[in-house]
Amino acid sequence: MTKIAILGSGQVGEALAKGFLHYGHAVMRASRDPDKLAAWKAGVQGDAQIGSYAEAASWGEVIVLAVKGSGAEATLEQAGLANLAGKLVLDATNPIAEGKPDNGVIRYFTNANESLMERLQAKAPQARFVKAFNSVGNMFMVNPPFKPMATMFICGNDPAAKAEATKLLEQFGWEAADMGGVESARPIEALCQLWCAPGLLRNEWAHAFKLLKLS
């Protein structure tokens, strides 16, 4: 059992919390206003708690960052950078900007030669960031039904952190593909734009990505 702190009160945090509880982990969900999560806590089974960002980050052994990309840096500050030091931080955020999509393509506030995770890693240099869960809808984050098994593209600077993340992803029914260091968050974050395009254009949301290799 691992103590998983989930920063964010939205649908992504809820889906991942459900998955971690299902697999026997302890979960603390966090929000700027923890009381808004009281109904969630009352309605779930397992070792479930709620708290502030700082309380959850201090308590957790693994941190899941599941907030709007525009608020991600502020969330790290509220969690306390010292509380994140040395810990695996699964970064599920995307740098989605305000404004309408361009013919189905979501706008980002980053450019092609940077990523939100690079900003977050610079903000909390002692945290061990791994990009994950950003390129699929929350309904498929745990036990995705695709055949063959879908691929979750990950990246980060710490090999041990990526190994930890891979174990958790495999528990959730994913094949993890390590794409390298934090710079690879640039194309991985762009996968969210690609994943959303068929949904925004044709209301097609039931898909995931698969990495094919020659044996």
Protein backbone atom coordinates (compact mmCIF):
# COMPACT_ATOMS: atom_id res chain seq x y z
CA MET A 1 0.00 0.00 0.00
CA THR A 2 1.22 3.46 -0.92
CA LYS A 3 -0.04 6.76 0.43
CA ILE A 4 -1.23 8.70 -2.62
CA ALA A 5 -1.92 12.42 -2.34
CA ILE A 6 -4.09 13.76 -5.15
CA LEU A 7 -3.96 17.52 -5.62
CA GLY A 8 -7.13 18.58 -7.41
CA SER A 9 -10.86 18.21 -6.87
CA GLY A 10 -11.94 17.67 -10.48
CA GLN A 11 -12.87 14.63 -12.56
CA VAL A 12 -9.30 13.51 -13.21
CA GLY A 13 -8.51 13.48 -9.50
CA GLU A 14 -11.72 11.63 -8.76
CA ALA A 15 -11.07 8.96 -11.40
CA LEU A 16 -7.52 8.37 -10.22
CA ALA A 17 -8.55 8.33 -6.55
CA LYS A 18 -11.12 5.66 -7.34
CA GLY A 19 -8.45 3.60 -9.06
CA PHE A 20 -5.90 3.89 -6.29
CA LEU A 21 -8.49 2.99 -3.65
CA HIS A 22 -9.61 0.02 -5.73
CA TYR A 23 -6.06 -1.33 -5.74
CA GLY A 24 -5.67 -0.96 -1.99
CA HIS A 25 -3.74 2.30 -1.72
CA ALA A 26 -4.47 5.00 0.84
CA VAL A 27 -5.67 8.25 -0.75
CA MET A 28 -5.88 11.83 0.42
CA ARG A 29 -7.61 14.18 -1.99
CA ALA A 30 -6.76 17.84 -1.63
CA SER A 31 -8.28 21.15 -2.60
CA ARG A 32 -7.96 24.80 -1.69
CA ASP A 33 -11.33 24.18 -0.02
CA PRO A 34 -11.22 20.62 1.38
CA ASP A 35 -14.83 20.81 2.59
CA LYS A 36 -16.01 20.56 -1.02
CA LEU A 37 -14.64 16.99 -1.01
CA ALA A 38 -16.55 15.90 2.09
CA ALA A 39 -19.32 14.24 0.05
CA TRP A 40 -16.72 12.30 -1.93
CA LYS A 41 -15.08 11.05 1.26
CA ALA A 42 -18.42 10.00 2.72
CA GLY A 43 -19.31 8.04 -0.41
CA VAL A 44 -16.17 5.95 -0.98
CA GLN A 45 -14.76 2.84 0.63
CA GLY A 46 -11.16 2.32 1.63
CA ASP A 47 -8.56 4.46 3.33
CA ALA A 48 -9.77 7.84 2.06
CA GLN A 49 -9.01 11.25 3.53
CA ILE A 50 -9.30 14.89 2.50
CA GLY A 51 -7.11 17.87 3.29
CA SER A 52 -5.42 21.01 2.08
CA TYR A 53 -2.73 20.94 -0.58
CA ALA A 54 -0.03 21.28 2.07
CA GLU A 55 -1.52 18.59 4.29
CA ALA A 56 -1.80 16.14 1.42
CA ALA A 57 1.67 16.85 0.05
CA SER A 58 3.21 16.36 3.49
CA TRP A 59 1.28 13.12 4.08
CA GLY A 60 1.66 11.50 0.67
CA GLU A 61 4.44 9.21 -0.49
CA VAL A 62 3.39 9.75 -4.10
CA ILE A 63 1.82 13.00 -5.30
CA VAL A 64 -0.61 13.26 -8.22
CA LEU A 65 -0.94 16.73 -9.73
CA ALA A 66 -4.42 16.87 -11.26
CA VAL A 67 -5.32 20.55 -11.48
CA LYS A 68 -5.90 22.96 -14.36
CA GLY A 69 -2.62 23.66 -16.07
CA SER A 70 -3.02 27.38 -15.54
CA GLY A 71 -3.06 26.82 -11.79
CA ALA A 72 -0.38 24.15 -11.54
CA GLU A 73 2.53 26.35 -10.45
CA ALA A 74 0.41 28.06 -7.78
CA THR A 75 -0.71 24.64 -6.54
CA LEU A 76 2.91 23.59 -6.02
CA GLU A 77 3.48 26.72 -3.96
CA GLN A 78 0.39 26.03 -1.85
CA ALA A 79 1.46 22.40 -1.38
CA GLY A 80 4.85 23.54 -0.13
CA LEU A 81 7.94 22.80 -2.18
CA ALA A 82 9.63 21.18 0.82
CA ASN A 83 6.71 18.73 1.09
CA LEU A 84 7.38 17.59 -2.50
CA ALA A 85 11.13 17.12 -2.17
CA GLY A 86 12.29 13.61 -3.01
CA LYS A 87 8.79 12.40 -3.89
CA LEU A 88 7.40 11.01 -7.13
CA VAL A 89 5.02 13.59 -8.60
CA LEU A 90 2.76 12.19 -11.31
CA ASP A 91 1.98 15.18 -13.48
CA ALA A 92 -1.38 14.82 -15.24
CA THR A 93 -1.65 18.49 -16.23
CA ASN A 94 -1.79 20.09 -19.66
CA PRO A 95 -1.08 23.75 -20.53
CA ILE A 96 -4.56 24.45 -21.87
CA ALA A 97 -5.17 28.13 -22.60
CA GLU A 98 -8.38 30.10 -22.52
CA GLY A 99 -10.20 30.54 -25.79
CA LYS A 100 -11.90 28.35 -28.35
CA PRO A 101 -10.07 25.50 -30.11
CA ASP A 102 -8.78 26.08 -33.62
CA ASN A 103 -10.77 23.64 -35.77
CA GLY A 104 -10.65 21.03 -33.00
CA VAL A 105 -7.14 21.81 -31.75
CA ILE A 106 -6.99 23.04 -28.16
CA ARG A 107 -4.83 26.11 -27.63
CA TYR A 108 -1.85 25.92 -25.27
CA PHE A 109 -0.15 28.71 -23.35
CA THR A 110 3.26 27.08 -23.89
CA ASN A 111 5.16 26.98 -27.17
CA ALA A 112 6.57 24.03 -29.09
CA ASN A 113 9.98 24.29 -27.40
CA GLU A 114 8.82 24.16 -23.80
CA SER A 115 6.35 22.24 -21.69
CA LEU A 116 4.37 22.87 -18.56
CA MET A 117 6.19 20.05 -16.79
CA GLU A 118 9.52 21.73 -17.49
CA ARG A 119 8.19 24.82 -15.71
CA LEU A 120 6.97 22.69 -12.81
CA GLN A 121 10.26 20.81 -12.50
CA ALA A 122 12.11 24.13 -12.41
CA LYS A 123 9.65 25.39 -9.79
CA ALA A 124 10.18 22.32 -7.57
CA PRO A 125 13.66 21.04 -8.50
CA GLN A 126 13.80 18.51 -5.65
CA ALA A 127 10.56 16.80 -6.69
CA ARG A 128 10.77 13.78 -9.03
CA PHE A 129 8.28 14.63 -11.77
CA VAL A 130 6.94 12.03 -14.19
CA LYS A 131 4.44 12.97 -16.89
CA ALA A 132 1.49 10.56 -16.97
CA PHE A 133 -2.30 10.42 -17.42
CA ASN A 134 -2.40 13.60 -19.51
CA SER A 135 -3.17 12.06 -22.91
CA VAL A 136 -6.41 10.14 -22.34
CA GLY A 137 -9.85 10.91 -20.97
CA ASN A 138 -10.54 10.32 -17.30
CA MET A 139 -13.03 7.55 -18.13
CA PHE A 140 -10.15 5.41 -19.45
CA MET A 141 -7.43 6.20 -16.92
CA VAL A 142 -7.99 3.04 -14.88
CA ASN A 143 -8.39 -0.38 -16.49
CA PRO A 144 -8.72 0.90 -20.07
CA PRO A 145 -10.66 -1.63 -22.18
CA PHE A 146 -8.61 -1.32 -25.36
CA LYS A 147 -7.15 -4.36 -27.15
CA PRO A 148 -4.23 -4.55 -27.55
CA MET A 149 -3.16 -2.82 -24.36
CA ALA A 150 -2.93 0.96 -24.71
CA THR A 151 0.31 2.87 -24.16
CA MET A 152 0.88 5.60 -21.60
CA PHE A 153 3.81 7.78 -22.66
CA ILE A 154 5.87 8.98 -19.71
CA CYS A 155 8.98 11.06 -19.20
CA GLY A 156 11.05 12.57 -16.41
CA ASN A 157 14.60 13.10 -15.24
CA ASP A 158 14.66 10.47 -12.47
CA PRO A 159 14.91 6.81 -13.64
CA ALA A 160 13.79 5.45 -10.26
CA ALA A 161 10.72 7.70 -10.30
CA LYS A 162 9.83 6.47 -13.78
CA ALA A 163 10.18 2.88 -12.57
CA GLU A 164 7.79 3.63 -9.70
CA ALA A 165 5.35 5.27 -12.08
CA THR A 166 5.55 2.30 -14.44
CA LYS A 167 4.53 -0.10 -11.66
CA LEU A 168 1.49 2.01 -10.84
CA LEU A 169 0.55 2.32 -14.51
CA GLU A 170 0.85 -1.42 -15.02
CA GLN A 171 -1.40 -1.95 -12.00
CA PHE A 172 -3.96 0.28 -13.74
CA GLY A 173 -3.75 -1.79 -16.93
CA TRP A 174 -1.37 0.32 -19.00
CA GLU A 175 1.81 -0.31 -20.97
CA ALA A 176 4.24 2.46 -20.02
CA ALA A 177 6.66 3.82 -22.62
CA ASP A 178 9.58 5.89 -21.32
CA MET A 179 10.29 8.74 -23.74
CA GLY A 180 13.25 10.22 -21.88
CA GLY A 181 13.87 13.34 -19.83
CA VAL A 182 11.64 16.23 -18.88
CA GLU A 183 12.02 17.79 -22.34
CA SER A 184 9.91 14.97 -23.79
CA ALA A 185 6.95 16.42 -21.94
CA ARG A 186 6.70 18.76 -24.93
CA PRO A 187 5.41 16.10 -27.36
CA ILE A 188 3.65 14.15 -24.62
CA GLU A 189 1.63 17.19 -23.59
CA ALA A 190 0.78 17.75 -27.25
CA LEU A 191 -0.81 14.29 -27.28
CA CYS A 192 -3.70 15.79 -25.31
CA GLN A 193 -4.40 18.08 -28.25
CA LEU A 194 -4.31 15.10 -30.60
CA TRP A 195 -6.49 12.97 -28.30
CA CYS A 196 -9.13 15.70 -28.02
CA ALA A 197 -9.29 16.59 -31.73
CA PRO A 198 -11.64 13.75 -32.85
CA GLY A 199 -13.86 14.46 -29.85
CA LEU A 200 -14.14 18.14 -30.56
CA LEU A 201 -14.61 17.59 -34.29
CA ARG A 202 -16.83 14.49 -34.35
CA ASN A 203 -17.75 13.75 -30.70
CA GLU A 204 -15.48 10.68 -30.77
CA TRP A 205 -13.89 10.18 -27.36
CA ALA A 206 -13.37 6.41 -27.03
CA HIS A 207 -9.74 5.99 -28.06
CA ALA A 208 -6.19 5.80 -26.74
CA PHE A 209 -2.67 5.70 -28.16
CA LYS A 210 -0.55 2.62 -28.84
CA LEU A 211 3.20 2.46 -29.49
CA LEU A 212 4.04 -0.22 -32.05
CA LYS A 213 7.52 -1.73 -32.24
CA LEU A 214 9.26 -4.19 -34.52
CA SER A 215 10.43 -7.18 -32.52
